C-alpha atoms as a PDB file:
ATOM      1  CA  MET A   1      -0.144  -0.085   0.029  1.00  0.00           C
ATOM      2  CA  ASN A   2       1.383   3.308  -0.718  1.00  0.00           C
ATOM      3  CA  VAL A   3       1.722   5.082   2.725  1.00  0.00           C
ATOM      4  CA  HIS A   4       0.489   8.779   0.983  1.00  0.00           C
ATOM      5  CA  HIS A   5      -2.761   6.998   0.207  1.00  0.00           C
ATOM      6  CA  LEU A   6      -2.899   6.020   3.509  1.00  0.00           C
ATOM      7  CA  GLU A   7      -2.244   9.225   4.665  1.00  0.00           C
ATOM      8  CA  LEU A   8      -5.166  11.056   2.685  1.00  0.00           C
ATOM      9  CA  PHE A   9      -7.461   8.255   3.548  1.00  0.00           C
ATOM     10  CA  TYR A  10      -6.984   9.070   7.284  1.00  0.00           C
ATOM     11  CA  TYR A  11      -7.677  12.708   6.912  1.00  0.00           C
ATOM     12  CA  VAL A  12     -10.433  11.691   5.008  1.00  0.00           C
ATOM     13  CA  ALA A  13     -12.175   9.655   7.688  1.00  0.00           C
ATOM     14  CA  ARG A  14     -10.849  11.824  10.258  1.00  0.00           C
ATOM     15  CA  SER A  15     -12.710  14.666   8.922  1.00  0.00           C
ATOM     16  CA  GLY A  16     -15.931  12.890   7.478  1.00  0.00           C
ATOM     17  CA  GLY A  17     -15.237  13.734   3.722  1.00  0.00           C
ATOM     18  CA  ILE A  18     -12.889  14.698   1.093  1.00  0.00           C
ATOM     19  CA  ALA A  19     -13.602  18.111   1.208  1.00  0.00           C
ATOM     20  CA  ALA A  20     -13.246  18.605   4.890  1.00  0.00           C
ATOM     21  CA  ALA A  21     -10.185  16.632   4.603  1.00  0.00           C
ATOM     22  CA  VAL A  22      -8.616  19.164   1.915  1.00  0.00           C
ATOM     23  CA  ARG A  23      -8.790  21.899   3.973  1.00  0.00           C
ATOM     24  CA  ALA A  24      -7.122  19.658   7.126  1.00  0.00           C
ATOM     25  CA  ILE A  25      -4.509  18.557   5.449  1.00  0.00           C
ATOM     26  CA  PRO A  26      -1.481  20.387   6.268  1.00  0.00           C
ATOM     27  CA  TYR A  27       0.070  20.725   2.870  1.00  0.00           C
ATOM     28  CA  GLY A  28      -1.563  21.978  -0.487  1.00  0.00           C
ATOM     29  CA  ILE A  29      -3.579  19.235  -2.370  1.00  0.00           C
ATOM     30  CA  GLN A  30      -6.654  19.869  -4.673  1.00  0.00           C
ATOM     31  CA  GLN A  31      -9.839  17.706  -3.650  1.00  0.00           C
ATOM     32  CA  PRO A  32      -9.750  15.705  -7.433  1.00  0.00           C
ATOM     33  CA  ALA A  33      -6.130  14.563  -6.494  1.00  0.00           C
ATOM     34  CA  VAL A  34      -7.799  13.252  -3.216  1.00  0.00           C
ATOM     35  CA  SER A  35     -10.294  11.434  -4.616  1.00  0.00           C
ATOM     36  CA  ALA A  36      -8.562   9.940  -7.335  1.00  0.00           C
ATOM     37  CA  GLN A  37      -5.754   8.629  -5.170  1.00  0.00           C
ATOM     38  CA  ILE A  38      -8.450   7.414  -2.306  1.00  0.00           C
ATOM     39  CA  ALA A  39      -9.723   5.652  -5.778  1.00  0.00           C
ATOM     40  CA  ARG A  40      -6.438   4.051  -6.503  1.00  0.00           C
ATOM     41  CA  LEU A  41      -6.125   2.913  -2.756  1.00  0.00           C
ATOM     42  CA  GLU A  42      -9.644   1.104  -3.064  1.00  0.00           C
ATOM     43  CA  GLU A  43      -8.546  -0.213  -6.409  1.00  0.00           C
ATOM     44  CA  GLU A  44      -5.307  -1.978  -4.668  1.00  0.00           C
ATOM     45  CA  LEU A  45      -7.312  -3.007  -1.838  1.00  0.00           C
ATOM     46  CA  GLY A  46      -9.918  -4.330  -3.600  1.00  0.00           C
ATOM     47  CA  VAL A  47     -12.989  -3.274  -1.497  1.00  0.00           C
ATOM     48  CA  LYS A  48     -14.657   0.257  -1.100  1.00  0.00           C
ATOM     49  CA  LEU A  49     -13.624   2.300   2.042  1.00  0.00           C
ATOM     50  CA  PHE A  50     -16.432   4.610   2.436  1.00  0.00           C
ATOM     51  CA  GLN A  51     -20.023   6.017   1.076  1.00  0.00           C
ATOM     52  CA  ARG A  52     -19.379   9.645  -0.464  1.00  0.00           C
ATOM     53  CA  ARG A  53     -23.148  10.667  -0.204  1.00  0.00           C
ATOM     54  CA  PRO A  54     -23.963  11.100   2.879  1.00  0.00           C
ATOM     55  CA  PHE A  55     -20.064  10.149   4.356  1.00  0.00           C
ATOM     56  CA  LEU A  56     -20.033   6.779   6.168  1.00  0.00           C
ATOM     57  CA  LEU A  57     -17.021   4.632   6.668  1.00  0.00           C
ATOM     58  CA  THR A  58     -17.876   1.025   5.158  1.00  0.00           C
ATOM     59  CA  PRO A  59     -16.708  -1.962   7.340  1.00  0.00           C
ATOM     60  CA  SER A  60     -13.381  -2.550   5.630  1.00  0.00           C
ATOM     61  CA  GLY A  61     -13.227   1.308   5.836  1.00  0.00           C
ATOM     62  CA  ALA A  62     -13.377   1.688   9.561  1.00  0.00           C
ATOM     63  CA  GLU A  63     -10.950  -1.408  10.298  1.00  0.00           C
ATOM     64  CA  LEU A  64      -8.448   0.359   8.104  1.00  0.00           C
ATOM     65  CA  TYR A  65      -8.943   3.600   9.827  1.00  0.00           C
ATOM     66  CA  GLU A  66      -8.759   2.092  13.185  1.00  0.00           C
ATOM     67  CA  PHE A  67      -5.321   0.393  12.127  1.00  0.00           C
ATOM     68  CA  ILE A  68      -3.351   3.496  10.866  1.00  0.00           C
ATOM     69  CA  ARG A  69      -5.036   6.334  13.062  1.00  0.00           C
ATOM     70  CA  PRO A  70      -2.744   5.570  16.065  1.00  0.00           C
ATOM     71  CA  PHE A  71       0.150   6.197  13.911  1.00  0.00           C
ATOM     72  CA  PHE A  72      -1.060   9.270  12.016  1.00  0.00           C
ATOM     73  CA  GLY A  73      -2.838  10.648  15.020  1.00  0.00           C
ATOM     74  CA  GLY A  74       0.556  10.717  16.508  1.00  0.00           C
ATOM     75  CA  LEU A  75       2.481  12.411  14.452  1.00  0.00           C
ATOM     76  CA  ASP A  76       1.690  16.042  15.983  1.00  0.00           C
ATOM     77  CA  ALA A  77       3.218  14.907  19.166  1.00  0.00           C
ATOM     78  CA  VAL A  78       6.423  13.073  17.881  1.00  0.00           C
ATOM     79  CA  GLU A  79       7.203  16.217  15.767  1.00  0.00           C
ATOM     80  CA  LYS A  80       6.809  18.423  18.946  1.00  0.00           C
ATOM     81  CA  ASN A  81       8.800  15.775  21.075  1.00  0.00           C
ATOM     82  CA  LEU A  82      11.649  15.777  18.510  1.00  0.00           C
ATOM     83  CA  ARG A  83      11.669  19.436  17.836  1.00  0.00           C
ATOM     84  CA  ALA A  84      12.013  19.864  21.709  1.00  0.00           C
ATOM     85  CA  THR A  85      14.821  17.185  21.661  1.00  0.00           C
ATOM     86  CA  ALA A  86      16.798  19.190  19.057  1.00  0.00           C
ATOM     87  CA  ASP A  87      16.031  22.672  20.927  1.00  0.00           C
ATOM     88  CA  PHE A  88      18.563  21.679  23.321  1.00  0.00           C
ATOM     89  CA  GLN A  89      21.188  20.065  21.318  1.00  0.00           C
ATOM     90  CA  LEU A  90      24.336  21.246  19.745  1.00  0.00           C
ATOM     91  CA  ARG A  91      25.857  19.780  16.697  1.00  0.00           C
ATOM     92  CA  ILE A  92      29.149  21.421  15.713  1.00  0.00           C
ATOM     93  CA  ALA A  93      32.004  20.945  13.164  1.00  0.00           C
ATOM     94  CA  ALA A  94      35.331  22.569  13.594  1.00  0.00           C
ATOM     95  CA  PRO A  95      38.967  22.155  12.719  1.00  0.00           C
ATOM     96  CA  SER A  96      40.820  20.428  16.051  1.00  0.00           C
ATOM     97  CA  ILE A  97      42.420  23.613  17.348  1.00  0.00           C
ATOM     98  CA  VAL A  98      39.218  25.114  17.386  1.00  0.00           C
ATOM     99  CA  LEU A  99      37.604  22.528  19.423  1.00  0.00           C
ATOM    100  CA  GLN A 100      40.570  21.856  21.771  1.00  0.00           C
ATOM    101  CA  ASP A 101      41.722  25.621  22.444  1.00  0.00           C
ATOM    102  CA  TYR A 102      38.403  27.358  22.231  1.00  0.00           C
ATOM    103  CA  MET A 103      35.302  25.467  22.410  1.00  0.00           C
ATOM    104  CA  PRO A 104      35.839  24.137  26.186  1.00  0.00           C
ATOM    105  CA  ASP A 105      35.690  27.466  27.686  1.00  0.00           C
ATOM    106  CA  LEU A 106      32.616  28.658  25.298  1.00  0.00           C
ATOM    107  CA  LEU A 107      30.644  25.496  25.867  1.00  0.00           C
ATOM    108  CA  GLN A 108      30.969  26.089  29.451  1.00  0.00           C
ATOM    109  CA  ARG A 109      28.938  29.134  29.030  1.00  0.00           C
ATOM    110  CA  ILE A 110      26.358  27.696  27.135  1.00  0.00           C
ATOM    111  CA  ARG A 111      25.872  24.995  30.008  1.00  0.00           C
ATOM    112  CA  GLY A 112      25.122  27.713  32.324  1.00  0.00           C
ATOM    113  CA  LYS A 113      22.104  28.617  30.480  1.00  0.00           C
ATOM    114  CA  PHE A 114      21.223  25.162  29.013  1.00  0.00           C
ATOM    115  CA  PRO A 115      22.388  22.947  31.710  1.00  0.00           C
ATOM    116  CA  ASN A 116      21.010  19.865  30.092  1.00  0.00           C
ATOM    117  CA  PHE A 117      22.004  20.264  26.507  1.00  0.00           C
ATOM    118  CA  ARG A 118      23.253  17.335  24.169  1.00  0.00           C
ATOM    119  CA  LEU A 119      26.794  17.825  22.718  1.00  0.00           C
ATOM    120  CA  HIS A 120      27.870  16.455  19.496  1.00  0.00           C
ATOM    121  CA  LEU A 121      31.664  17.673  18.123  1.00  0.00           C
ATOM    122  CA  HIS A 122      33.170  16.787  15.095  1.00  0.00           C
ATOM    123  CA  GLU A 123      36.956  17.382  14.071  1.00  0.00           C
ATOM    124  CA  ALA A 124      36.653  18.256  10.447  1.00  0.00           C
ATOM    125  CA  ALA A 125      38.442  20.720   7.838  1.00  0.00           C
ATOM    126  CA  ARG A 126      36.157  22.606   5.525  1.00  0.00           C
ATOM    127  CA  LEU A 127      34.777  19.973   2.836  1.00  0.00           C
ATOM    128  CA  GLU A 128      34.038  17.445   5.394  1.00  0.00           C
ATOM    129  CA  ALA A 129      32.103  20.044   7.573  1.00  0.00           C
ATOM    130  CA  GLU A 130      30.073  20.994   4.629  1.00  0.00           C
ATOM    131  CA  ARG A 131      29.189  17.364   4.001  1.00  0.00           C
ATOM    132  CA  LEU A 132      27.634  17.180   7.479  1.00  0.00           C
ATOM    133  CA  LEU A 133      25.816  20.559   7.182  1.00  0.00           C
ATOM    134  CA  GLU A 134      24.408  19.597   4.082  1.00  0.00           C
ATOM    135  CA  ALA A 135      23.431  16.108   5.343  1.00  0.00           C
ATOM    136  CA  GLN A 136      21.912  18.196   8.236  1.00  0.00           C
ATOM    137  CA  GLU A 137      24.159  15.973  10.758  1.00  0.00           C
ATOM    138  CA  ILE A 138      25.374  19.302  12.218  1.00  0.00           C
ATOM    139  CA  ASP A 139      23.794  22.831  13.282  1.00  0.00           C
ATOM    140  CA  PHE A 140      27.093  24.790  12.709  1.00  0.00           C
ATOM    141  CA  ALA A 141      30.494  24.628  11.020  1.00  0.00           C
ATOM    142  CA  ILE A 142      33.550  26.727  12.104  1.00  0.00           C
ATOM    143  CA  THR A 143      35.455  26.788   9.040  1.00  0.00           C
ATOM    144  CA  LEU A 144      37.203  28.925   6.498  1.00  0.00           C
ATOM    145  CA  ILE A 145      34.813  30.569   4.428  1.00  0.00           C
ATOM    146  CA  GLU A 146      34.375  32.220   0.899  1.00  0.00           C
ATOM    147  CA  GLN A 147      32.641  34.935  -0.801  1.00  0.00           C
ATOM    148  CA  LYS A 148      30.954  32.247  -3.038  1.00  0.00           C
ATOM    149  CA  THR A 149      28.428  30.026  -0.751  1.00  0.00           C
ATOM    150  CA  ARG A 150      25.745  27.805  -1.833  1.00  0.00           C
ATOM    151  CA  PRO A 151      22.294  28.320  -1.658  1.00  0.00           C
ATOM    152  CA  GLY A 152      20.551  28.345   1.552  1.00  0.00           C
ATOM    153  CA  VAL A 153      23.963  28.696   3.335  1.00  0.00           C
ATOM    154  CA  ARG A 154      24.156  31.590   6.321  1.00  0.00           C
ATOM    155  CA  VAL A 155      27.379  32.570   6.785  1.00  0.00           C
ATOM    156  CA  ARG A 156      28.875  34.589   9.582  1.00  0.00           C
ATOM    157  CA  SER A 157      32.870  35.830   9.752  1.00  0.00           C
ATOM    158  CA  LEU A 158      34.887  35.895  12.631  1.00  0.00           C
ATOM    159  CA  LEU A 159      38.524  36.326  12.449  1.00  0.00           C
ATOM    160  CA  GLN A 160      41.055  37.156   9.461  1.00  0.00           C
ATOM    161  CA  LEU A 161      43.887  34.645  10.274  1.00  0.00           C
ATOM    162  CA  PRO A 162      47.440  34.782   8.583  1.00  0.00           C
ATOM    163  CA  LEU A 163      48.638  31.570   6.741  1.00  0.00           C
ATOM    164  CA  MET A 164      52.167  30.347   8.009  1.00  0.00           C
ATOM    165  CA  LEU A 165      54.078  27.435   7.269  1.00  0.00           C
ATOM    166  CA  LEU A 166      55.819  24.527   9.760  1.00  0.00           C
ATOM    167  CA  VAL A 167      58.744  23.313   9.432  1.00  0.00           C
ATOM    168  CA  PRO A 168      61.046  20.955  11.493  1.00  0.00           C
ATOM    169  CA  LYS A 169      63.430  22.578  13.949  1.00  0.00           C
ATOM    170  CA  ARG A 170      66.269  21.306  12.144  1.00  0.00           C
ATOM    171  CA  SER A 171      65.561  22.352   8.819  1.00  0.00           C
ATOM    172  CA  LYS A 172      67.709  25.200   7.287  1.00  0.00           C
ATOM    173  CA  ILE A 173      65.097  26.883   5.979  1.00  0.00           C
ATOM    174  CA  LYS A 174      64.560  30.140   8.291  1.00  0.00           C
ATOM    175  CA  GLU A 175      62.498  31.956   6.150  1.00  0.00           C
ATOM    176  CA  ALA A 176      59.964  32.111   3.101  1.00  0.00           C
ATOM    177  CA  GLY A 177      62.130  33.706   0.764  1.00  0.00           C
ATOM    178  CA  GLN A 178      64.638  30.834   1.043  1.00  0.00           C
ATOM    179  CA  LEU A 179      61.727  28.345  -0.579  1.00  0.00           C
ATOM    180  CA  TRP A 180      60.407  31.094  -2.944  1.00  0.00           C
ATOM    181  CA  GLU A 181      64.428  31.797  -4.442  1.00  0.00           C
ATOM    182  CA  GLN A 182      64.585  28.080  -5.413  1.00  0.00           C
ATOM    183  CA  ASP A 183      64.157  27.175  -9.154  1.00  0.00           C
ATOM    184  CA  LYS A 184      62.043  23.944  -8.012  1.00  0.00           C
ATOM    185  CA  ILE A 185      61.133  23.939  -4.617  1.00  0.00           C
ATOM    186  CA  GLU A 186      62.564  20.513  -3.604  1.00  0.00           C
ATOM    187  CA  GLU A 187      60.695  19.973  -0.103  1.00  0.00           C
ATOM    188  CA  THR A 188      57.641  18.301   0.282  1.00  0.00           C
ATOM    189  CA  LEU A 189      54.350  20.392   0.921  1.00  0.00           C
ATOM    190  CA  ILE A 190      52.091  18.829   3.361  1.00  0.00           C
ATOM    191  CA  THR A 191      48.778  20.276   3.324  1.00  0.00           C
ATOM    192  CA  PHE A 192      44.984  19.830   2.972  1.00  0.00           C
ATOM    193  CA  GLN A 193      42.896  18.221  -0.008  1.00  0.00           C
ATOM    194  CA  GLU A 194      43.628  20.479  -3.087  1.00  0.00           C
ATOM    195  CA  GLU A 195      39.761  21.279  -3.182  1.00  0.00           C
ATOM    196  CA  ASP A 196      40.350  22.688   0.551  1.00  0.00           C
ATOM    197  CA  ALA A 197      39.771  26.504   0.864  1.00  0.00           C
ATOM    198  CA  VAL A 198      43.439  26.768   2.913  1.00  0.00           C
ATOM    199  CA  GLN A 199      45.034  24.937  -0.210  1.00  0.00           C
ATOM    200  CA  LEU A 200      43.388  26.808  -2.915  1.00  0.00           C
ATOM    201  CA  HIS A 201      44.068  30.129  -1.147  1.00  0.00           C
ATOM    202  CA  PHE A 202      47.770  29.403  -0.640  1.00  0.00           C
ATOM    203  CA  GLN A 203      47.695  28.411  -4.368  1.00  0.00           C
ATOM    204  CA  HIS A 204      46.146  31.359  -5.568  1.00  0.00           C
ATOM    205  CA  GLU A 205      48.846  33.553  -3.200  1.00  0.00           C
ATOM    206  CA  LEU A 206      51.723  31.325  -4.934  1.00  0.00           C
ATOM    207  CA  GLN A 207      50.258  31.849  -8.428  1.00  0.00           C
ATOM    208  CA  LYS A 208      50.450  35.671  -8.029  1.00  0.00           C
ATOM    209  CA  ARG A 209      54.214  35.567  -7.471  1.00  0.00           C
ATOM    210  CA  GLN A 210      54.366  32.980 -10.047  1.00  0.00           C
ATOM    211  CA  ILE A 211      55.928  29.990  -7.879  1.00  0.00           C
ATOM    212  CA  ASP A 212      54.929  26.459  -8.454  1.00  0.00           C
ATOM    213  CA  TRP A 213      54.849  24.386  -5.195  1.00  0.00           C
ATOM    214  CA  PHE A 214      52.181  21.600  -5.181  1.00  0.00           C
ATOM    215  CA  CYS A 215      50.929  19.287  -2.557  1.00  0.00           C
ATOM    216  CA  GLY A 216      53.114  16.011  -1.863  1.00  0.00           C
ATOM    217  CA  ILE A 217      51.333  14.719   0.986  1.00  0.00           C
ATOM    218  CA  GLU A 218      47.870  15.117   1.749  1.00  0.00           C
ATOM    219  CA  VAL A 219      45.943  14.975   5.127  1.00  0.00           C
ATOM    220  CA  ASN A 220      42.451  15.901   6.372  1.00  0.00           C
ATOM    221  CA  SER A 221      43.451  17.515   9.494  1.00  0.00           C
ATOM    222  CA  ALA A 222      45.835  19.995  10.680  1.00  0.00           C
ATOM    223  CA  THR A 223      47.212  17.898  13.863  1.00  0.00           C
ATOM    224  CA  LEU A 224      47.937  15.359  10.949  1.00  0.00           C
ATOM    225  CA  ILE A 225      50.088  17.961   9.517  1.00  0.00           C
ATOM    226  CA  GLU A 226      52.277  18.751  12.975  1.00  0.00           C
ATOM    227  CA  CYS A 227      52.532  15.045  13.238  1.00  0.00           C
ATOM    228  CA  PHE A 228      54.101  14.694   9.776  1.00  0.00           C
ATOM    229  CA  VAL A 229      56.101  18.061   9.907  1.00  0.00           C
ATOM    230  CA  ALA A 230      57.206  17.048  13.530  1.00  0.00           C
ATOM    231  CA  ALA A 231      58.717  13.425  11.703  1.00  0.00           C
ATOM    232  CA  GLY A 232      60.541  15.006   9.282  1.00  0.00           C
ATOM    233  CA  TYR A 233      58.275  14.360   6.040  1.00  0.00           C
ATOM    234  CA  GLY A 234      58.312  17.944   4.936  1.00  0.00           C
ATOM    235  CA  ILE A 235      56.950  21.626   5.076  1.00  0.00           C
ATOM    236  CA  GLY A 236      53.376  22.142   6.229  1.00  0.00           C
ATOM    237  CA  LEU A 237      50.672  24.569   5.699  1.00  0.00           C
ATOM    238  CA  ALA A 238      48.552  25.692   8.766  1.00  0.00           C
ATOM    239  CA  VAL A 239      46.579  28.698   9.828  1.00  0.00           C
ATOM    240  CA  ALA A 240      47.937  31.032  12.441  1.00  0.00           C
ATOM    241  CA  ALA A 241      44.922  30.501  14.925  1.00  0.00           C
ATOM    242  CA  PRO A 242      45.311  32.912  18.093  1.00  0.00           C
ATOM    243  CA  GLY A 243      47.363  31.556  20.868  1.00  0.00           C
ATOM    244  CA  PHE A 244      48.754  28.864  18.343  1.00  0.00           C
ATOM    245  CA  ARG A 245      51.717  26.739  20.038  1.00  0.00           C
ATOM    246  CA  PRO A 246      53.491  24.255  17.694  1.00  0.00           C
ATOM    247  CA  LYS A 247      54.362  21.129  18.871  1.00  0.00           C
ATOM    248  CA  ALA A 248      57.747  20.039  19.991  1.00  0.00           C
ATOM    249  CA  GLY A 249      60.351  19.823  17.272  1.00  0.00           C
ATOM    250  CA  ILE A 250      58.427  22.523  14.998  1.00  0.00           C
ATOM    251  CA  ARG A 251      59.068  25.883  13.999  1.00  0.00           C
ATOM    252  CA  VAL A 252      57.100  28.365  12.367  1.00  0.00           C
ATOM    253  CA  ILE A 253      57.663  30.509   9.596  1.00  0.00           C
ATOM    254  CA  PRO A 254      55.430  33.454   9.088  1.00  0.00           C
ATOM    255  CA  LEU A 255      54.027  34.598   5.255  1.00  0.00           C
ATOM    256  CA  PRO A 256      53.262  38.349   6.127  1.00  0.00           C
ATOM    257  CA  ASP A 257      52.660  39.252   2.423  1.00  0.00           C
ATOM    258  CA  PHE A 258      50.119  36.516   1.836  1.00  0.00           C
ATOM    259  CA  GLN A 259      46.456  37.676   2.002  1.00  0.00           C
ATOM    260  CA  PRO A 260      45.081  36.012   5.453  1.00  0.00           C
ATOM    261  CA  VAL A 261      41.922  33.300   5.304  1.00  0.00           C
ATOM    262  CA  ASN A 262      38.595  34.370   6.537  1.00  0.00           C
ATOM    263  CA  ILE A 263      37.244  32.072   9.413  1.00  0.00           C
ATOM    264  CA  GLY A 264      33.545  32.122  10.168  1.00  0.00           C
ATOM    265  CA  VAL A 265      30.448  29.877  10.824  1.00  0.00           C
ATOM    266  CA  ILE A 266      28.027  28.616   8.589  1.00  0.00           C
ATOM    267  CA  TRP A 267      24.656  27.294   9.026  1.00  0.00           C
ATOM    268  CA  SER A 268      21.581  26.289   7.266  1.00  0.00           C
ATOM    269  CA  ALA A 269      18.443  25.066   9.159  1.00  0.00           C
ATOM    270  CA  ARG A 270      16.393  27.434  11.653  1.00  0.00           C
ATOM    271  CA  LEU A 271      18.355  28.053  14.546  1.00  0.00           C
ATOM    272  CA  SER A 272      16.995  27.007  17.743  1.00  0.00           C
ATOM    273  CA  PRO A 273      17.228  29.022  21.158  1.00  0.00           C
ATOM    274  CA  ILE A 274      20.592  27.156  22.154  1.00  0.00           C
ATOM    275  CA  ALA A 275      21.866  27.685  18.506  1.00  0.00           C
ATOM    276  CA  GLN A 276      21.102  31.241  18.772  1.00  0.00           C
ATOM    277  CA  HIS A 277      22.949  31.775  21.971  1.00  0.00           C
ATOM    278  CA  PHE A 278      25.821  29.645  21.018  1.00  0.00           C
ATOM    279  CA  LEU A 279      26.245  32.319  17.842  1.00  0.00           C
ATOM    280  CA  ALA A 280      26.082  34.909  20.080  1.00  0.00           C
ATOM    281  CA  GLU A 281      28.671  33.335  22.257  1.00  0.00           C
ATOM    282  CA  LEU A 282      30.942  32.946  19.487  1.00  0.00           C
ATOM    283  CA  GLU A 283      31.058  36.288  18.185  1.00  0.00           C
ATOM    284  CA  THR A 284      31.712  37.462  21.676  1.00  0.00           C
ATOM    285  CA  GLU A 285      34.239  35.327  21.295  1.00  0.00           C
ATOM    286  CA  ALA A 286      35.819  36.271  17.804  1.00  0.00           C
ATOM    287  CA  LYS A 287      35.572  40.116  19.142  1.00  0.00           C
ATOM    288  CA  LYS A 288      37.797  39.159  22.373  1.00  0.00           C
ATOM    289  CA  LEU A 289      40.455  37.347  20.007  1.00  0.00           C
ATOM    290  CA  ASN A 290      40.480  40.292  17.336  1.00  0.00           C
ATOM    291  CA  ALA A 291      41.172  42.752  20.089  1.00  0.00           C
ATOM    292  CA  SER A 292      43.856  40.886  21.639  1.00  0.00           C
ATOM    293  CA  ALA A 293      45.457  40.230  18.222  1.00  0.00           C
ATOM    294  CA  GLY A 294      45.079  43.910  17.383  1.00  0.00           C
ATOM    295  CA  GLY A 295      46.491  44.733  20.832  1.00  0.00           C
END
């Protein structure tokens, strides 16, 4: 049986006729369409479900209505319960440094107002964060943002952060100019996937300088970049987040002439009260970090 046909029959039986059902159905549908689909249901079942004028359920129609009534009749209550649960949960995707260094204090302030909220955290770079958002598996993604966004995606800019290179401490490279002077850069570049915003931004800056240096080791997290640099596999591309402290065995080479990247938050669905509060706290934290960096 077609579930949509059963839903239409439920409204017809509950409302006492097709015309009344059309007014009660919570989405737009015309009376001829309801009549045609109920007729298909009766044809499929091989029984008459109700008498049209005056309206009266047949024994078969009454039996079917009593069977489906608890399910369709309880959907509003289930929706209300699910929405209530969703209003007290936060699902966030962000890079590891954000989750480790900034999220605990911020979430503690959230807990002060919503003490029993449920939390789901995902460590994710931009591409994975966007996939999670599109699949409606998260409420927010804190990530690099670009001028062009997908339809239906809301964007709020938070921070402008510079790019930097990470090199092993034993490396002879002391400044970026030593790399750019090379006819062909021999050092392996460790960075995100080629479609990632950080990598695309970095390659754009290299192209402006007519420099070719492409990814040699591709990873999906900033943590892995640091691990491979510390192990001596090459030079890593990273974003200089406020308070960043490199792992032991790693030295930072700044890229002051490169344009910074734009860090922000993206979301697509209606924001629950807890999500609105989180966004406000996130913007407050960003203002503090911007003020600290300016000072």
